Amino acid sequence: MDEIELRAHGKINLSLDVLGRRNDGYHEVKMIMHTVALHDGIFIKKERERGIRMECNLPLSPQMKRISWLEPQRLLWMSSPSKKD
């Protein structure tokens, strides 16, 4: 399989309580959420050159670029069987 298409379904938080900071720096939260009829399309395609490229059809703030790009890249790298990079 050289490519895959996924949907990242949207949700709305009806209630969100931040309970405290965890040891890994993230926050422990308690929430009530509900799905909405919106989704983002995620297309993953294997290419010849090494690395990860992200494209988006919307302008992102520097904060959103950090969240949208770096964390998925780190997770993909960590799950790679050959962590050479």
C-alpha atoms as a PDB file:
ATOM      1  CA  MET A   1       0.000   0.000   0.000  1.00  0.00           C
ATOM      2  CA  ASP A   2       1.567   3.292  -1.106  1.00  0.00           C
ATOM      3  CA  GLU A   3      -1.147   5.680   0.045  1.00  0.00           C
ATOM      4  CA  ILE A   4      -4.053   5.889   2.449  1.00  0.00           C
ATOM      5  CA  GLU A   5      -6.885   8.365   2.982  1.00  0.00           C
ATOM      6  CA  LEU A   6      -8.326   8.953   6.450  1.00  0.00           C
ATOM      7  CA  ARG A   7     -10.948  11.228   7.973  1.00  0.00           C
ATOM      8  CA  ALA A   8     -10.310  13.120  11.206  1.00  0.00           C
ATOM      9  CA  HIS A   9     -13.830  13.717  12.467  1.00  0.00           C
ATOM     10  CA  GLY A  10     -14.686  16.924  14.276  1.00  0.00           C
ATOM     11  CA  LYS A  11     -16.071  17.222  17.793  1.00  0.00           C
ATOM     12  CA  ILE A  12     -17.373  19.893  20.103  1.00  0.00           C
ATOM     13  CA  ASN A  13     -16.577  20.080  23.816  1.00  0.00           C
ATOM     14  CA  LEU A  14     -19.754  20.446  25.868  1.00  0.00           C
ATOM     15  CA  SER A  15     -17.749  20.465  29.090  1.00  0.00           C
ATOM     16  CA  LEU A  16     -13.994  20.664  29.659  1.00  0.00           C
ATOM     17  CA  ASP A  17     -12.272  20.541  33.049  1.00  0.00           C
ATOM     18  CA  VAL A  18      -8.479  20.767  33.313  1.00  0.00           C
ATOM     19  CA  LEU A  19      -7.555  18.560  36.278  1.00  0.00           C
ATOM     20  CA  GLY A  20      -3.816  19.198  36.457  1.00  0.00           C
ATOM     21  CA  ARG A  21      -0.501  18.747  34.718  1.00  0.00           C
ATOM     22  CA  ARG A  22       0.873  15.254  34.094  1.00  0.00           C
ATOM     23  CA  ASN A  23       4.518  14.228  34.414  1.00  0.00           C
ATOM     24  CA  ASP A  24       4.907  14.315  30.611  1.00  0.00           C
ATOM     25  CA  GLY A  25       3.926  18.012  30.478  1.00  0.00           C
ATOM     26  CA  TYR A  26       0.438  17.455  29.083  1.00  0.00           C
ATOM     27  CA  HIS A  27      -2.695  18.190  31.128  1.00  0.00           C
ATOM     28  CA  GLU A  28      -5.114  15.670  32.549  1.00  0.00           C
ATOM     29  CA  VAL A  29      -8.605  16.623  31.395  1.00  0.00           C
ATOM     30  CA  LYS A  30     -12.166  15.484  31.947  1.00  0.00           C
ATOM     31  CA  MET A  31     -14.561  16.289  29.128  1.00  0.00           C
ATOM     32  CA  ILE A  32     -17.919  15.659  27.603  1.00  0.00           C
ATOM     33  CA  MET A  33     -17.858  15.901  23.837  1.00  0.00           C
ATOM     34  CA  HIS A  34     -20.095  15.233  20.863  1.00  0.00           C
ATOM     35  CA  THR A  35     -19.234  14.643  17.234  1.00  0.00           C
ATOM     36  CA  VAL A  36     -20.212  17.056  14.473  1.00  0.00           C
ATOM     37  CA  ALA A  37     -20.765  16.439  10.776  1.00  0.00           C
ATOM     38  CA  LEU A  38     -17.380  17.902   9.756  1.00  0.00           C
ATOM     39  CA  HIS A  39     -14.056  16.231   9.108  1.00  0.00           C
ATOM     40  CA  ASP A  40     -10.562  16.899   7.815  1.00  0.00           C
ATOM     41  CA  GLY A  41      -9.161  14.736   5.071  1.00  0.00           C
ATOM     42  CA  ILE A  42      -5.753  13.222   5.793  1.00  0.00           C
ATOM     43  CA  PHE A  43      -3.823  11.755   2.889  1.00  0.00           C
ATOM     44  CA  ILE A  44      -0.659   9.764   3.589  1.00  0.00           C
ATOM     45  CA  LYS A  45       1.473   8.846   0.613  1.00  0.00           C
ATOM     46  CA  LYS A  46       4.758   6.964   0.476  1.00  0.00           C
ATOM     47  CA  GLU A  47       7.385   8.872  -1.508  1.00  0.00           C
ATOM     48  CA  ARG A  48      10.910   8.102  -2.667  1.00  0.00           C
ATOM     49  CA  GLU A  49      12.761  10.654  -0.541  1.00  0.00           C
ATOM     50  CA  ARG A  50      13.040  10.243   3.254  1.00  0.00           C
ATOM     51  CA  GLY A  51      11.297  12.605   5.594  1.00  0.00           C
ATOM     52  CA  ILE A  52       7.822  13.922   6.188  1.00  0.00           C
ATOM     53  CA  ARG A  53       6.072  16.652   4.219  1.00  0.00           C
ATOM     54  CA  MET A  54       2.856  18.319   5.324  1.00  0.00           C
ATOM     55  CA  GLU A  55       0.603  20.407   3.121  1.00  0.00           C
ATOM     56  CA  CYS A  56      -2.475  22.318   4.191  1.00  0.00           C
ATOM     57  CA  ASN A  57      -5.012  24.330   2.229  1.00  0.00           C
ATOM     58  CA  LEU A  58      -5.458  26.861   5.084  1.00  0.00           C
ATOM     59  CA  PRO A  59      -2.972  29.365   6.556  1.00  0.00           C
ATOM     60  CA  LEU A  60      -1.805  28.249  10.020  1.00  0.00           C
ATOM     61  CA  SER A  61      -0.509  30.365  12.878  1.00  0.00           C
ATOM     62  CA  PRO A  62       2.962  29.493  14.252  1.00  0.00           C
ATOM     63  CA  GLN A  63       1.263  27.870  17.280  1.00  0.00           C
ATOM     64  CA  MET A  64      -0.944  25.691  15.062  1.00  0.00           C
ATOM     65  CA  LYS A  65       2.023  24.742  12.859  1.00  0.00           C
ATOM     66  CA  ARG A  66       3.807  23.456  15.962  1.00  0.00           C
ATOM     67  CA  ILE A  67       0.792  21.442  17.076  1.00  0.00           C
ATOM     68  CA  SER A  68      -0.245  20.253  13.606  1.00  0.00           C
ATOM     69  CA  TRP A  69       3.202  19.378  12.319  1.00  0.00           C
ATOM     70  CA  LEU A  70       5.712  18.534  15.015  1.00  0.00           C
ATOM     71  CA  GLU A  71       3.663  16.198  17.174  1.00  0.00           C
ATOM     72  CA  PRO A  72       2.466  13.917  14.342  1.00  0.00           C
ATOM     73  CA  GLN A  73       6.026  13.870  12.965  1.00  0.00           C
ATOM     74  CA  ARG A  74       7.373  12.820  16.374  1.00  0.00           C
ATOM     75  CA  LEU A  75       4.702  10.131  16.751  1.00  0.00           C
ATOM     76  CA  LEU A  76       5.362   8.755  13.277  1.00  0.00           C
ATOM     77  CA  TRP A  77       9.108   8.710  13.914  1.00  0.00           C
ATOM     78  CA  MET A  78       8.682   7.013  17.299  1.00  0.00           C
ATOM     79  CA  SER A  79       6.519   4.294  15.753  1.00  0.00           C
ATOM     80  CA  SER A  80       8.987   3.673  12.916  1.00  0.00           C
ATOM     81  CA  PRO A  81      10.674   0.254  13.092  1.00  0.00           C
ATOM     82  CA  SER A  82      14.000   1.759  11.957  1.00  0.00           C
ATOM     83  CA  LYS A  83      14.475   5.053  13.861  1.00  0.00           C
ATOM     84  CA  LYS A  84      17.502   6.074  11.774  1.00  0.00           C
ATOM     85  CA  ASP A  85      16.810   9.850  11.554  1.00  0.00           C
END
